[in-house]
PDB file of N, CA and C in Angstrom:
ATOM      1  N   UNK A   1     146.522  96.907  98.576  1.00  0.00           N
ATOM      2  CA  UNK A   1     146.494  96.824  97.125  1.00  0.00           C
ATOM      3  C   UNK A   1     146.005  98.135  96.503  1.00  0.00           C
ATOM      4  N   UNK A   2     145.010  98.764  97.114  1.00  0.00           N
ATOM      5  CA  UNK A   2     144.486 100.025  96.589  1.00  0.00           C
ATOM      6  C   UNK A   2     145.546 101.126  96.681  1.00  0.00           C
ATOM      7  N   UNK A   3     146.378 101.079  97.735  1.00  0.00           N
ATOM      8  CA  UNK A   3     147.424 102.076  97.896  1.00  0.00           C
ATOM      9  C   UNK A   3     148.473 101.943  96.793  1.00  0.00           C
ATOM     10  N   UNK A   4     148.817 100.724  96.440  1.00  0.00           N
ATOM     11  CA  UNK A   4     149.786 100.499  95.362  1.00  0.00           C
ATOM     12  C   UNK A   4     149.215 100.966  94.032  1.00  0.00           C
ATOM     13  N   UNK A   5     147.942 100.671  93.774  1.00  0.00           N
ATOM     14  CA  UNK A   5     147.313 101.101  92.525  1.00  0.00           C
ATOM     15  C   UNK A   5     147.252 102.627  92.447  1.00  0.00           C
ATOM     16  N   UNK A   6     146.941 103.271  93.583  1.00  0.00           N
ATOM     17  CA  UNK A   6     146.868 104.724  93.593  1.00  0.00           C
ATOM     18  C   UNK A   6     148.248 105.354  93.421  1.00  0.00           C
ATOM     19  N   UNK A   7     149.280 104.692  93.931  1.00  0.00           N
ATOM     20  CA  UNK A   7     150.635 105.203  93.798  1.00  0.00           C
ATOM     21  C   UNK A   7     151.091 105.198  92.338  1.00  0.00           C
ATOM     22  N   UNK A   8     150.830 104.120  91.630  1.00  0.00           N
ATOM     23  CA  UNK A   8     151.316 103.995  90.258  1.00  0.00           C
ATOM     24  C   UNK A   8     150.355 104.541  89.210  1.00  0.00           C
ATOM     25  N   UNK A   9     149.065 104.565  89.484  1.00  0.00           N
ATOM     26  CA  UNK A   9     148.095 104.956  88.473  1.00  0.00           C
ATOM     27  C   UNK A   9     147.189 106.105  88.895  1.00  0.00           C
ATOM     28  N   UNK A  10     147.411 106.667  90.062  1.00  0.00           N
ATOM     29  CA  UNK A  10     146.587 107.766  90.559  1.00  0.00           C
ATOM     30  C   UNK A  10     146.969 109.087  89.912  1.00  0.00           C
ATOM     31  N   UNK A  11     146.229 110.129  90.220  1.00  0.00           N
ATOM     32  CA  UNK A  11     146.526 111.434  89.629  1.00  0.00           C
ATOM     33  C   UNK A  11     147.856 112.003  90.122  1.00  0.00           C
ATOM     34  N   UNK A  12     148.471 112.773  89.263  1.00  0.00           N
ATOM     35  CA  UNK A  12     149.745 113.406  89.594  1.00  0.00           C
ATOM     36  C   UNK A  12     149.499 114.814  90.117  1.00  0.00           C
ATOM     37  N   UNK A  13     150.514 115.385  90.743  1.00  0.00           N
ATOM     38  CA  UNK A  13     150.377 116.749  91.246  1.00  0.00           C
ATOM     39  C   UNK A  13     150.726 117.759  90.146  1.00  0.00           C
ATOM     40  N   UNK A  14     150.567 119.044  90.456  1.00  0.00           N
ATOM     41  CA  UNK A  14     150.763 120.087  89.453  1.00  0.00           C
ATOM     42  C   UNK A  14     152.216 120.201  89.006  1.00  0.00           C
ATOM     43  N   UNK A  15     153.168 119.803  89.831  1.00  0.00           N
ATOM     44  CA  UNK A  15     154.574 119.887  89.449  1.00  0.00           C
ATOM     45  C   UNK A  15     154.911 118.962  88.282  1.00  0.00           C
ATOM     46  N   UNK A  16     154.120 117.931  88.073  1.00  0.00           N
ATOM     47  CA  UNK A  16     154.390 117.035  86.948  1.00  0.00           C
ATOM     48  C   UNK A  16     154.098 117.709  85.610  1.00  0.00           C
ATOM     49  N   UNK A  17     153.373 118.822  85.625  1.00  0.00           N
ATOM     50  CA  UNK A  17     153.116 119.577  84.386  1.00  0.00           C
ATOM     51  C   UNK A  17     154.382 120.246  83.876  1.00  0.00           C
ATOM     52  N   UNK A  18     155.378 120.408  84.735  1.00  0.00           N
ATOM     53  CA  UNK A  18     156.621 121.052  84.316  1.00  0.00           C
ATOM     54  C   UNK A  18     157.346 120.263  83.232  1.00  0.00           C
ATOM     55  N   UNK A  19     157.092 118.950  83.167  1.00  0.00           N
ATOM     56  CA  UNK A  19     157.680 118.144  82.096  1.00  0.00           C
ATOM     57  C   UNK A  19     157.283 118.707  80.734  1.00  0.00           C
ATOM     58  N   UNK A  20     156.004 118.990  80.553  1.00  0.00           N
ATOM     59  CA  UNK A  20     155.522 119.513  79.274  1.00  0.00           C
ATOM     60  C   UNK A  20     156.042 120.927  79.024  1.00  0.00           C
ATOM     61  N   UNK A  21     156.212 121.698  80.099  1.00  0.00           N
ATOM     62  CA  UNK A  21     156.740 123.052  79.962  1.00  0.00           C
ATOM     63  C   UNK A  21     158.176 123.023  79.434  1.00  0.00           C
ATOM     64  N   UNK A  22     159.016 122.200  80.058  1.00  0.00           N
ATOM     65  CA  UNK A  22     160.405 122.117  79.632  1.00  0.00           C
ATOM     66  C   UNK A  22     160.528 121.464  78.260  1.00  0.00           C
ATOM     67  N   UNK A  23     159.681 120.483  77.972  1.00  0.00           N
ATOM     68  CA  UNK A  23     159.709 119.854  76.647  1.00  0.00           C
ATOM     69  C   UNK A  23     159.315 120.854  75.570  1.00  0.00           C
ATOM     70  N   UNK A  24     158.345 121.723  75.861  1.00  0.00           N
ATOM     71  CA  UNK A  24     157.964 122.720  74.861  1.00  0.00           C
ATOM     72  C   UNK A  24     159.079 123.739  74.644  1.00  0.00           C
ATOM     73  N   UNK A  25     159.809 124.090  75.687  1.00  0.00           N
ATOM     74  CA  UNK A  25     160.950 125.001  75.521  1.00  0.00           C
ATOM     75  C   UNK A  25     162.029 124.342  74.674  1.00  0.00           C
ATOM     76  N   UNK A  26     162.371 123.102  74.984  1.00  0.00           N
ATOM     77  CA  UNK A  26     163.425 122.399  74.247  1.00  0.00           C
ATOM     78  C   UNK A  26     163.051 122.249  72.778  1.00  0.00           C
ATOM     79  N   UNK A  27     161.823 121.812  72.506  1.00  0.00           N
ATOM     80  CA  UNK A  27     161.434 121.603  71.117  1.00  0.00           C
ATOM     81  C   UNK A  27     161.175 122.924  70.390  1.00  0.00           C
ATOM     82  N   UNK A  28     160.843 123.987  71.119  1.00  0.00           N
ATOM     83  CA  UNK A  28     160.754 125.302  70.495  1.00  0.00           C
ATOM     84  C   UNK A  28     162.111 125.774  70.014  1.00  0.00           C
ATOM     85  N   UNK A  29     163.131 125.549  70.830  1.00  0.00           N
ATOM     86  CA  UNK A  29     164.499 125.914  70.435  1.00  0.00           C
ATOM     87  C   UNK A  29     164.950 125.049  69.258  1.00  0.00           C
ATOM     88  N   UNK A  30     164.641 123.758  69.297  1.00  0.00           N
ATOM     89  CA  UNK A  30     165.001 122.872  68.181  1.00  0.00           C
ATOM     90  C   UNK A  30     164.309 123.329  66.900  1.00  0.00           C
ATOM     91  N   UNK A  31     163.030 123.724  67.005  1.00  0.00           N
ATOM     92  CA  UNK A  31     162.297 124.228  65.841  1.00  0.00           C
ATOM     93  C   UNK A  31     162.983 125.466  65.262  1.00  0.00           C
ATOM     94  N   UNK A  32     163.407 126.378  66.126  1.00  0.00           N
ATOM     95  CA  UNK A  32     164.086 127.582  65.637  1.00  0.00           C
ATOM     96  C   UNK A  32     165.412 127.250  64.963  1.00  0.00           C
ATOM     97  N   UNK A  33     166.174 126.319  65.544  1.00  0.00           N
ATOM     98  CA  UNK A  33     167.439 125.919  64.926  1.00  0.00           C
ATOM     99  C   UNK A  33     167.212 125.281  63.558  1.00  0.00           C
ATOM    100  N   UNK A  34     166.191 124.444  63.454  1.00  0.00           N
ATOM    101  CA  UNK A  34     165.897 123.813  62.162  1.00  0.00           C
ATOM    102  C   UNK A  34     165.472 124.864  61.147  1.00  0.00           C
ATOM    103  N   UNK A  35     164.614 125.809  61.571  1.00  0.00           N
ATOM    104  CA  UNK A  35     164.161 126.859  60.654  1.00  0.00           C
ATOM    105  C   UNK A  35     165.338 127.711  60.183  1.00  0.00           C
ATOM    106  N   UNK A  36     166.221 128.079  61.103  1.00  0.00           N
ATOM    107  CA  UNK A  36     167.406 128.854  60.711  1.00  0.00           C
ATOM    108  C   UNK A  36     168.334 128.044  59.817  1.00  0.00           C
ATOM    109  N   UNK A  37     168.496 126.774  60.115  1.00  0.00           N
ATOM    110  CA  UNK A  37     169.332 125.912  59.285  1.00  0.00           C
ATOM    111  C   UNK A  37     168.795 125.786  57.875  1.00  0.00           C
ATOM    112  N   UNK A  38     167.491 125.631  57.748  1.00  0.00           N
ATOM    113  CA  UNK A  38     166.888 125.553  56.422  1.00  0.00           C
ATOM    114  C   UNK A  38     167.042 126.873  55.686  1.00  0.00           C
ATOM    115  N   UNK A  39     166.851 127.979  56.390  1.00  0.00           N
ATOM    116  CA  UNK A  39     166.996 129.301  55.772  1.00  0.00           C
ATOM    117  C   UNK A  39     168.406 129.497  55.223  1.00  0.00           C
ATOM    118  N   UNK A  40     169.416 129.190  56.033  1.00  0.00           N
ATOM    119  CA  UNK A  40     170.791 129.363  55.572  1.00  0.00           C
ATOM    120  C   UNK A  40     171.161 128.351  54.492  1.00  0.00           C
ATOM    121  N   UNK A  41     170.568 127.158  54.538  1.00  0.00           N
ATOM    122  CA  UNK A  41     170.806 126.165  53.504  1.00  0.00           C
ATOM    123  C   UNK A  41     170.252 126.645  52.168  1.00  0.00           C
ATOM    124  N   UNK A  42     169.049 127.219  52.194  1.00  0.00           N
ATOM    125  CA  UNK A  42     168.437 127.721  50.959  1.00  0.00           C
ATOM    126  C   UNK A  42     169.245 128.892  50.405  1.00  0.00           C
ATOM    127  N   UNK A  43     169.729 129.762  51.276  1.00  0.00           N
ATOM    128  CA  UNK A  43     170.551 130.882  50.813  1.00  0.00           C
ATOM    129  C   UNK A  43     171.846 130.380  50.184  1.00  0.00           C
ATOM    130  N   UNK A  44     172.465 129.378  50.792  1.00  0.00           N
ATOM    131  CA  UNK A  44     173.744 128.868  50.289  1.00  0.00           C
ATOM    132  C   UNK A  44     173.582 128.109  48.973  1.00  0.00           C
ATOM    133  N   UNK A  45     172.534 127.275  48.874  1.00  0.00           N
ATOM    134  CA  UNK A  45     172.342 126.440  47.686  1.00  0.00           C
ATOM    135  C   UNK A  45     171.722 127.226  46.544  1.00  0.00           C
ATOM    136  N   UNK A  46     170.725 128.050  46.841  1.00  0.00           N
ATOM    137  CA  UNK A  46     170.063 128.826  45.796  1.00  0.00           C
ATOM    138  C   UNK A  46     169.077 127.992  45.003  1.00  0.00           C
ATOM    139  N   UNK A  47     169.114 128.108  43.703  1.00  0.00           N
ATOM    140  CA  UNK A  47     168.164 127.413  42.822  1.00  0.00           C
ATOM    141  C   UNK A  47     168.570 125.978  42.522  1.00  0.00           C
ATOM    142  N   UNK A  48     169.690 125.521  43.019  1.00  0.00           N
ATOM    143  CA  UNK A  48     170.191 124.187  42.702  1.00  0.00           C
ATOM    144  C   UNK A  48     169.677 123.106  43.652  1.00  0.00           C
ATOM    145  N   UNK A  49     168.650 123.416  44.469  1.00  0.00           N
ATOM    146  CA  UNK A  49     168.179 122.454  45.461  1.00  0.00           C
ATOM    147  C   UNK A  49     167.381 121.332  44.787  1.00  0.00           C
ATOM    148  N   UNK A  50     167.652 120.125  45.212  1.00  0.00           N
ATOM    149  CA  UNK A  50     166.917 118.959  44.752  1.00  0.00           C
ATOM    150  C   UNK A  50     165.527 118.969  45.388  1.00  0.00           C
ATOM    151  N   UNK A  51     164.510 118.590  44.651  1.00  0.00           N
ATOM    152  CA  UNK A  51     163.130 118.627  45.159  1.00  0.00           C
ATOM    153  C   UNK A  51     162.939 117.641  46.311  1.00  0.00           C
ATOM    154  N   UNK A  52     163.645 116.528  46.268  1.00  0.00           N
ATOM    155  CA  UNK A  52     163.538 115.541  47.343  1.00  0.00           C
ATOM    156  C   UNK A  52     164.122 116.088  48.644  1.00  0.00           C
ATOM    157  N   UNK A  53     165.239 116.781  48.562  1.00  0.00           N
ATOM    158  CA  UNK A  53     165.846 117.377  49.758  1.00  0.00           C
ATOM    159  C   UNK A  53     164.952 118.476  50.303  1.00  0.00           C
ATOM    160  N   UNK A  54     164.385 119.296  49.419  1.00  0.00           N
ATOM    161  CA  UNK A  54     163.487 120.357  49.860  1.00  0.00           C
ATOM    162  C   UNK A  54     162.254 119.807  50.542  1.00  0.00           C
ATOM    163  N   UNK A  55     161.698 118.735  50.014  1.00  0.00           N
ATOM    164  CA  UNK A  55     160.529 118.099  50.625  1.00  0.00           C
ATOM    165  C   UNK A  55     160.879 117.543  52.001  1.00  0.00           C
ATOM    166  N   UNK A  56     162.036 116.920  52.121  1.00  0.00           N
ATOM    167  CA  UNK A  56     162.460 116.385  53.413  1.00  0.00           C
ATOM    168  C   UNK A  56     162.684 117.489  54.441  1.00  0.00           C
ATOM    169  N   UNK A  57     163.230 118.620  54.009  1.00  0.00           N
ATOM    170  CA  UNK A  57     163.450 119.737  54.917  1.00  0.00           C
ATOM    171  C   UNK A  57     162.125 120.319  55.407  1.00  0.00           C
ATOM    172  N   UNK A  58     161.154 120.422  54.516  1.00  0.00           N
ATOM    173  CA  UNK A  58     159.837 120.931  54.912  1.00  0.00           C
ATOM    174  C   UNK A  58     159.164 119.965  55.885  1.00  0.00           C
ATOM    175  N   UNK A  59     159.264 118.676  55.630  1.00  0.00           N
ATOM    176  CA  UNK A  59     158.686 117.694  56.561  1.00  0.00           C
ATOM    177  C   UNK A  59     159.358 117.747  57.926  1.00  0.00           C
ATOM    178  N   UNK A  60     160.665 117.940  57.940  1.00  0.00           N
ATOM    179  CA  UNK A  60     161.395 118.050  59.203  1.00  0.00           C
ATOM    180  C   UNK A  60     160.953 119.289  59.973  1.00  0.00           C
ATOM    181  N   UNK A  61     160.737 120.391  59.283  1.00  0.00           N
ATOM    182  CA  UNK A  61     160.278 121.621  59.925  1.00  0.00           C
ATOM    183  C   UNK A  61     158.864 121.462  60.478  1.00  0.00           C
ATOM    184  N   UNK A  62     157.986 120.838  59.715  1.00  0.00           N
ATOM    185  CA  UNK A  62     156.608 120.610  60.184  1.00  0.00           C
ATOM    186  C   UNK A  62     156.601 119.689  61.398  1.00  0.00           C
ATOM    187  N   UNK A  63     157.414 118.639  61.351  1.00  0.00           N
ATOM    188  CA  UNK A  63     157.488 117.703  62.472  1.00  0.00           C
ATOM    189  C   UNK A  63     157.980 118.399  63.743  1.00  0.00           C
ATOM    190  N   UNK A  64     159.001 119.224  63.630  1.00  0.00           N
ATOM    191  CA  UNK A  64     159.527 119.938  64.803  1.00  0.00           C
ATOM    192  C   UNK A  64     158.484 120.896  65.363  1.00  0.00           C
ATOM    193  N   UNK A  65     157.745 121.569  64.490  1.00  0.00           N
ATOM    194  CA  UNK A  65     156.708 122.476  64.966  1.00  0.00           C
ATOM    195  C   UNK A  65     155.584 121.717  65.664  1.00  0.00           C
ATOM    196  N   UNK A  66     155.177 120.581  65.110  1.00  0.00           N
ATOM    197  CA  UNK A  66     154.095 119.810  65.724  1.00  0.00           C
ATOM    198  C   UNK A  66     154.476 119.275  67.099  1.00  0.00           C
ATOM    199  N   UNK A  67     155.715 118.832  67.256  1.00  0.00           N
ATOM    200  CA  UNK A  67     156.164 118.347  68.563  1.00  0.00           C
ATOM    201  C   UNK A  67     156.166 119.484  69.573  1.00  0.00           C
ATOM    202  N   UNK A  68     156.633 120.668  69.158  1.00  0.00           N
ATOM    203  CA  UNK A  68     156.590 121.847  70.032  1.00  0.00           C
ATOM    204  C   UNK A  68     155.151 122.195  70.405  1.00  0.00           C
ATOM    205  N   UNK A  69     154.271 122.240  69.413  1.00  0.00           N
ATOM    206  CA  UNK A  69     152.890 122.640  69.652  1.00  0.00           C
ATOM    207  C   UNK A  69     152.154 121.655  70.554  1.00  0.00           C
ATOM    208  N   UNK A  70     152.370 120.363  70.346  1.00  0.00           N
ATOM    209  CA  UNK A  70     151.698 119.354  71.170  1.00  0.00           C
ATOM    210  C   UNK A  70     152.153 119.452  72.622  1.00  0.00           C
ATOM    211  N   UNK A  71     153.437 119.642  72.849  1.00  0.00           N
ATOM    212  CA  UNK A  71     153.921 119.789  74.224  1.00  0.00           C
ATOM    213  C   UNK A  71     153.396 121.062  74.872  1.00  0.00           C
ATOM    214  N   UNK A  72     153.300 122.136  74.105  1.00  0.00           N
ATOM    215  CA  UNK A  72     152.742 123.375  74.646  1.00  0.00           C
ATOM    216  C   UNK A  72     151.262 123.210  74.970  1.00  0.00           C
ATOM    217  N   UNK A  73     150.540 122.525  74.108  1.00  0.00           N
ATOM    218  CA  UNK A  73     149.125 122.266  74.343  1.00  0.00           C
ATOM    219  C   UNK A  73     148.915 121.376  75.570  1.00  0.00           C
ATOM    220  N   UNK A  74     149.720 120.347  75.702  1.00  0.00           N
ATOM    221  CA  UNK A  74     149.610 119.462  76.860  1.00  0.00           C
ATOM    222  C   UNK A  74     149.956 120.184  78.156  1.00  0.00           C
ATOM    223  N   UNK A  75     150.930 121.074  78.116  1.00  0.00           N
ATOM    224  CA  UNK A  75     151.232 121.856  79.315  1.00  0.00           C
ATOM    225  C   UNK A  75     150.060 122.748  79.688  1.00  0.00           C
ATOM    226  N   UNK A  76     149.456 123.393  78.700  1.00  0.00           N
ATOM    227  CA  UNK A  76     148.302 124.255  78.989  1.00  0.00           C
ATOM    228  C   UNK A  76     147.149 123.450  79.580  1.00  0.00           C
ATOM    229  N   UNK A  77     146.873 122.294  79.016  1.00  0.00           N
ATOM    230  CA  UNK A  77     145.776 121.468  79.526  1.00  0.00           C
ATOM    231  C   UNK A  77     146.086 120.958  80.918  1.00  0.00           C
ATOM    232  N   UNK A  78     147.319 120.533  81.154  1.00  0.00           N
ATOM    233  CA  UNK A  78     147.709 119.993  82.458  1.00  0.00           C
ATOM    234  C   UNK A  78     147.652 121.054  83.527  1.00  0.00           C
ATOM    235  N   UNK A  79     148.215 122.227  83.259  1.00  0.00           N
ATOM    236  CA  UNK A  79     148.279 123.257  84.282  1.00  0.00           C
ATOM    237  C   UNK A  79     146.903 123.824  84.606  1.00  0.00           C
ATOM    238  N   UNK A  80     146.025 123.924  83.626  1.00  0.00           N
ATOM    239  CA  UNK A  80     144.692 124.467  83.884  1.00  0.00           C
ATOM    240  C   UNK A  80     143.764 123.446  84.512  1.00  0.00           C
ATOM    241  N   UNK A  81     143.988 122.179  84.255  1.00  0.00           N
ATOM    242  CA  UNK A  81     143.109 121.171  84.853  1.00  0.00           C
ATOM    243  C   UNK A  81     143.457 120.924  86.316  1.00  0.00           C
ATOM    244  N   UNK A  82     144.687 121.218  86.713  1.00  0.00           N
ATOM    245  CA  UNK A  82     145.094 121.005  88.095  1.00  0.00           C
ATOM    246  C   UNK A  82     145.116 122.297  88.911  1.00  0.00           C
ATOM    247  N   UNK A  83     144.631 123.383  88.343  1.00  0.00           N
ATOM    248  CA  UNK A  83     144.638 124.668  89.043  1.00  0.00           C
ATOM    249  C   UNK A  83     143.641 124.702  90.180  1.00  0.00           C
TER     250      UNK A  83
END
């Protein structure tokens, strides 16, 4: 019984930290695409942007950055704690 508990709930090895590394790369790229998309959208629309759309775009950009940052932080914590 202890072996089963250790298998499913025991500590993971250092290679499992790669999940956070790859997730931070993916969400970093997504953040850049969103930032570029918003930039080109603002250039194309100009002063005619609706305030609700602008607010939603800013929230989407903040959300993408936070997901990137959290994954990067978790990778740093994981890799340094298992070093």
